Amino acid sequence: MKLALIVAASEDSEGRNVIGQNGEIPWRAPGHIGKYKRDMDRFRNLTMNNAIIMGRKTADTFSKPLRGRENIILTRNKEYKREGFKVCNFPEQAIEIASGYSINPFVIGGADIYNLFFDMAGTIEFTKIKEKFNGDSYFPKIDPANWKEEGGEDKEFYSFVTYNRIN
């Protein structure tokens, strides 16, 4: 199994990888979303027919499970249930469920979940948002000593980059 993290982030004034502000994705605000449609298309294409692992707060942003994927929620709440989603309480459970569905599961957020799985991941599918946004949720720093940039695609408003773990 090859675990991947998939994320879109904007660098803030302090060089941190911003992924959220007050529970929202800053570049999905009115006036911005059209610029980033190809990022959503890329997310859909990469994750389709694979398991996706997310935290409860991320799951709460979806009105229903994302179709064509095994939707797995990792939460500390042992009583939490949600129709159409597999719910687990430990990262190992999420990995076990995901590995039964696909060999390339994706972690899709949020910040706490990315931090839990960061050291387990072999790949990061990263969308670098060129516009600067402030936020209160961050993706971990990608250390070039541990991650090699393996290609990408530069667009007007963002760049797609794939990182593979070196060691």
Foldseek 3Di string as FASTA:
>chain_A
DAEEEEAEFEQAPVRFTAQAAPLHGVQCPPPRVVVCVVVVVVVCVVQAQAEEEEEPSVVVVDPADDPRYAYEYAYCDPPDDDPSHHYDDDPVVSVVVRVVRDPYYYYYDDQVSLVVCVVVHFKYWYKYFHDHDDHDTGHDDDDCVFWDWDDWADDDGIITTMIGTDD
